[in-house]
Amino acid sequence: MPVQFVDIAEAGKMLPALVTSLEKRQVREIVICRAGRPVAKLMSVEPARIGVAKGKFEVPDRTDTSNSEIATLFRDESPS
């Protein structure tokens, strides 16, 4: 995917179109320039990946019952 360079005045006029090109993955990023020098960068945000491991493994109801040392640490007690 290409990188697009845009003058700051032009970017202000066409911001919705620039955002759309990022959403459609037409460009990887947009570099905003002032007097020909890069000053800012626009890039798309990756969507959150909540629940990607759902159904891949099972968490027991009680994870601390089989390990007394871990159970002690969770209760903030000194191990004996």
Protein backbone atom coordinates (compact mmCIF):
# COMPACT_ATOMS: atom_id res chain seq x y z
CA MET A 1 0.00 0.00 0.00
CA PRO A 2 1.30 3.42 -0.86
CA VAL A 3 1.93 6.42 1.37
CA GLN A 4 0.17 9.62 0.37
CA PHE A 5 1.73 13.07 0.97
CA VAL A 6 -0.66 16.00 1.31
CA ASP A 7 -0.12 19.71 1.97
CA ILE A 8 -1.74 20.88 5.20
CA ALA A 9 -4.12 23.32 3.45
CA GLU A 10 -5.25 20.58 1.07
CA ALA A 11 -5.65 18.10 3.94
CA GLY A 12 -7.99 20.49 5.74
CA LYS A 13 -10.24 20.74 2.69
CA MET A 14 -10.35 17.01 1.98
CA LEU A 15 -10.16 15.35 5.41
CA PRO A 16 -13.28 13.17 4.91
CA ALA A 17 -11.89 11.83 1.61
CA LEU A 18 -8.51 11.15 3.22
CA VAL A 19 -10.14 9.20 6.05
CA THR A 20 -12.19 7.22 3.55
CA SER A 21 -9.06 6.25 1.62
CA LEU A 22 -7.56 4.95 4.88
CA GLU A 23 -10.72 3.01 5.73
CA LYS A 24 -10.78 1.39 2.31
CA ARG A 25 -7.07 0.53 2.66
CA GLN A 26 -6.27 2.47 -0.53
CA VAL A 27 -3.29 4.02 1.27
CA ARG A 28 -1.29 2.80 4.27
CA GLU A 29 -0.80 6.25 5.75
CA ILE A 30 -1.13 9.91 4.89
CA VAL A 31 1.72 12.29 5.67
CA ILE A 32 0.67 15.91 6.11
CA CYS A 33 3.30 18.44 5.09
CA ARG A 34 3.81 22.14 5.73
CA ALA A 35 6.05 23.92 3.26
CA GLY A 36 7.09 20.54 1.88
CA ARG A 37 8.20 19.14 5.27
CA PRO A 38 6.35 16.30 7.00
CA VAL A 39 4.66 17.45 10.21
CA ALA A 40 1.95 14.85 10.95
CA LYS A 41 0.80 11.40 9.96
CA LEU A 42 -2.69 9.91 9.60
CA MET A 43 -3.11 6.16 9.72
CA SER A 44 -5.96 3.75 10.23
CA VAL A 45 -6.63 2.18 13.59
CA GLU A 46 -6.77 -1.58 13.78
CA PRO A 47 -10.05 -2.82 15.25
CA ALA A 48 -9.93 -4.35 18.72
CA ARG A 49 -9.65 -8.14 18.68
CA ILE A 50 -11.82 -8.91 21.69
CA GLY A 51 -12.76 -12.54 22.05
CA VAL A 52 -10.26 -14.00 19.57
CA ALA A 53 -9.56 -16.96 21.87
CA LYS A 54 -13.21 -17.63 22.73
CA GLY A 55 -13.85 -21.36 22.67
CA LYS A 56 -10.16 -22.26 22.22
CA PHE A 57 -9.59 -23.32 25.84
CA GLU A 58 -11.48 -23.80 29.07
CA VAL A 59 -10.81 -21.93 32.28
CA PRO A 60 -11.66 -23.91 35.41
CA ASP A 61 -14.16 -22.41 37.85
CA ARG A 62 -11.54 -22.37 40.60
CA THR A 63 -7.96 -21.94 39.46
CA ASP A 64 -6.39 -21.62 42.91
CA THR A 65 -7.69 -24.83 44.54
CA SER A 66 -4.99 -27.10 43.18
CA ASN A 67 -1.99 -24.93 44.07
CA SER A 68 -1.77 -23.84 47.70
CA GLU A 69 1.21 -21.54 47.03
CA ILE A 70 -0.74 -19.52 44.45
CA ALA A 71 -3.83 -19.47 46.65
CA THR A 72 -1.68 -18.07 49.48
CA LEU A 73 -0.30 -15.34 47.23
CA PHE A 74 -3.80 -14.29 46.17
CA ARG A 75 -4.83 -14.03 49.82
CA ASP A 76 -1.72 -11.90 50.47
CA GLU A 77 -0.38 -14.30 53.08
CA SER A 78 3.21 -15.32 53.67
CA PRO A 79 3.93 -18.88 52.49
CA SER A 80 4.67 -21.23 55.38
